[in-house]
Amino acid sequence: MKRTPLAVGGYEGKTFGRYFLARLLARGGMGIVYLGRLDGPMGFEKLVAVKVIHPELVTDRHVLSMFLDEARLAARINHGNVCSILDFGTYRDTPYLVMEYLHGATFSAMIRRCLDAGGMPPQIAAKVVADAARGLHAAH
């Protein structure tokens, strides 16, 4: 992936602090999540998920407070059903949160495939709900 300097606007395909943001993964009400890559010495690379606050919200104190709370709380959770928080900081006045990147299909893609195939098998649905509940329990 070629590195380009950070420009005004979207971060996709650009360097963001220590991370190269390769592509957009998801967009939500508070921020955007990118597939990022941390490059280190001697060819070290680690894929991560980097969440940044929407540019228009970086000056909103309430949003900043919620983002910081999310980082603090999520960093305390150590569970196999919850993505780990690896880093938190600010780059050029934009707060970011770095999380473990889990490669695979999204839950919505899995649901679509199951619907196309006639429905989700009950044992798969039970496993998904149980795993989600275990992760939620760890968060509480």
Protein backbone atom coordinates (compact mmCIF):
# COMPACT_ATOMS: atom_id res chain seq x y z
CA MET A 1 0.00 0.00 0.00
CA LYS A 2 1.47 3.34 -1.05
CA ARG A 3 1.72 6.01 1.64
CA THR A 4 0.46 9.50 0.85
CA PRO A 5 0.44 12.50 3.20
CA LEU A 6 -2.72 13.30 5.13
CA ALA A 7 -4.90 15.80 3.29
CA VAL A 8 -8.04 17.67 4.21
CA GLY A 9 -11.08 15.43 3.83
CA GLY A 10 -11.28 11.65 4.01
CA TYR A 11 -8.44 9.60 5.44
CA GLU A 12 -8.70 6.55 3.17
CA GLY A 13 -5.36 5.75 1.52
CA LYS A 14 -3.50 8.20 3.74
CA THR A 15 -1.10 8.15 6.64
CA PHE A 16 -2.73 9.01 9.97
CA GLY A 17 -0.08 9.33 12.66
CA ARG A 18 1.61 5.93 13.02
CA TYR A 19 -1.06 4.23 10.91
CA PHE A 20 -1.76 3.91 7.21
CA LEU A 21 -5.55 3.88 6.63
CA ALA A 22 -6.04 1.49 3.72
CA ARG A 23 -9.81 1.46 3.30
CA LEU A 24 -13.10 2.34 4.94
CA LEU A 25 -14.70 -0.49 6.95
CA ALA A 26 -17.73 1.18 8.51
CA ARG A 27 -19.36 4.53 9.14
CA GLY A 28 -21.51 5.41 12.15
CA GLY A 29 -23.07 8.39 13.86
CA MET A 30 -19.94 9.41 15.77
CA GLY A 31 -17.12 8.18 13.60
CA ILE A 32 -15.59 6.22 10.78
CA VAL A 33 -13.69 2.93 11.07
CA TYR A 34 -10.83 2.19 8.68
CA LEU A 35 -8.70 -0.85 8.04
CA GLY A 36 -5.34 0.42 9.19
CA ARG A 37 -1.82 -0.86 9.13
CA LEU A 38 0.89 -0.19 11.66
CA ASP A 39 4.32 -0.36 10.03
CA GLY A 40 7.43 -0.96 12.08
CA PRO A 41 11.10 -1.66 11.61
CA MET A 42 12.43 -4.54 9.50
CA GLY A 43 9.15 -5.12 7.66
CA PHE A 44 6.92 -5.40 10.73
CA GLU A 45 3.24 -4.90 9.87
CA LYS A 46 0.06 -5.28 11.91
CA LEU A 47 -3.46 -4.82 10.59
CA VAL A 48 -5.75 -2.88 12.93
CA ALA A 49 -9.12 -1.13 12.92
CA VAL A 50 -8.81 2.64 13.42
CA LYS A 51 -11.87 4.62 14.49
CA VAL A 52 -11.77 8.40 14.03
CA ILE A 53 -14.39 10.97 14.97
CA HIS A 54 -16.21 12.57 12.04
CA PRO A 55 -14.32 15.77 11.11
CA GLU A 56 -17.38 17.95 11.77
CA LEU A 57 -17.69 16.56 15.33
CA VAL A 58 -14.09 16.97 16.59
CA THR A 59 -14.95 20.24 18.35
CA ASP A 60 -18.14 18.90 19.99
CA ARG A 61 -17.24 18.47 23.68
CA HIS A 62 -20.07 15.98 24.26
CA VAL A 63 -18.93 13.75 21.37
CA LEU A 64 -15.31 13.96 22.54
CA SER A 65 -16.37 12.96 26.05
CA MET A 66 -18.36 9.97 24.73
CA PHE A 67 -15.44 8.89 22.53
CA LEU A 68 -13.03 9.06 25.47
CA ASP A 69 -15.48 7.13 27.67
CA GLU A 70 -15.76 4.46 24.96
CA ALA A 71 -11.97 4.12 24.83
CA ARG A 72 -11.57 3.97 28.62
CA LEU A 73 -14.33 1.43 29.13
CA ALA A 74 -13.45 -0.79 26.18
CA ALA A 75 -9.76 -0.85 27.21
CA ARG A 76 -10.77 -2.52 30.50
CA ILE A 77 -12.42 -5.47 28.76
CA ASN A 78 -10.34 -8.55 28.11
CA HIS A 79 -12.57 -11.20 26.54
CA GLY A 80 -12.46 -13.42 23.47
CA ASN A 81 -15.80 -12.06 22.23
CA VAL A 82 -14.77 -8.39 22.45
CA CYS A 83 -12.19 -6.65 20.24
CA SER A 84 -9.20 -5.41 22.22
CA ILE A 85 -8.28 -1.73 22.36
CA LEU A 86 -4.65 -1.29 21.31
CA ASP A 87 -4.12 2.47 21.20
CA PHE A 88 -5.83 5.79 21.73
CA GLY A 89 -4.68 9.28 20.89
CA THR A 90 -5.06 12.41 18.83
CA TYR A 91 -3.54 13.17 15.45
CA ARG A 92 -3.85 16.68 14.01
CA ASP A 93 -6.65 17.45 16.50
CA THR A 94 -8.61 14.31 15.51
CA PRO A 95 -9.10 11.72 18.26
CA TYR A 96 -8.68 8.09 17.24
CA LEU A 97 -9.13 4.67 18.77
CA VAL A 98 -7.20 1.64 17.51
CA MET A 99 -8.77 -1.78 17.90
CA GLU A 100 -7.90 -5.34 17.10
CA TYR A 101 -8.86 -6.11 13.49
CA LEU A 102 -10.81 -9.32 13.00
CA HIS A 103 -10.75 -10.50 9.40
CA GLY A 104 -13.91 -12.13 8.11
CA ALA A 105 -17.44 -11.60 6.93
CA THR A 106 -19.65 -9.07 8.67
CA PHE A 107 -22.65 -10.22 10.63
CA SER A 108 -24.97 -8.51 8.12
CA ALA A 109 -23.30 -10.42 5.25
CA MET A 110 -23.76 -13.68 7.14
CA ILE A 111 -27.46 -12.91 7.70
CA ARG A 112 -27.95 -12.11 3.99
CA ARG A 113 -26.32 -15.39 2.98
CA CYS A 114 -28.48 -17.30 5.41
CA LEU A 115 -31.64 -15.58 4.17
CA ASP A 116 -30.66 -16.34 0.57
CA ALA A 117 -30.20 -19.99 1.58
CA GLY A 118 -33.61 -20.21 3.27
CA GLY A 119 -32.81 -19.11 6.80
CA MET A 120 -30.24 -19.44 9.53
CA PRO A 121 -29.93 -22.86 11.11
CA PRO A 122 -31.13 -22.68 14.75
CA GLN A 123 -27.82 -23.99 16.14
CA ILE A 124 -25.90 -21.20 14.33
CA ALA A 125 -28.35 -18.56 15.56
CA ALA A 126 -28.04 -19.88 19.13
CA LYS A 127 -24.22 -19.79 18.93
CA VAL A 128 -24.20 -16.21 17.61
CA VAL A 129 -26.56 -15.01 20.35
CA ALA A 130 -24.65 -16.89 23.08
CA ASP A 131 -21.29 -15.46 21.95
CA ALA A 132 -22.70 -11.94 21.78
CA ALA A 133 -24.20 -12.37 25.26
CA ARG A 134 -20.84 -13.54 26.63
CA GLY A 135 -19.14 -10.45 25.21
CA LEU A 136 -21.88 -8.19 26.59
CA HIS A 137 -21.58 -9.85 30.00
CA ALA A 138 -17.82 -9.16 30.01
CA ALA A 139 -18.57 -5.50 29.27
CA HIS A 140 -20.88 -5.27 32.28
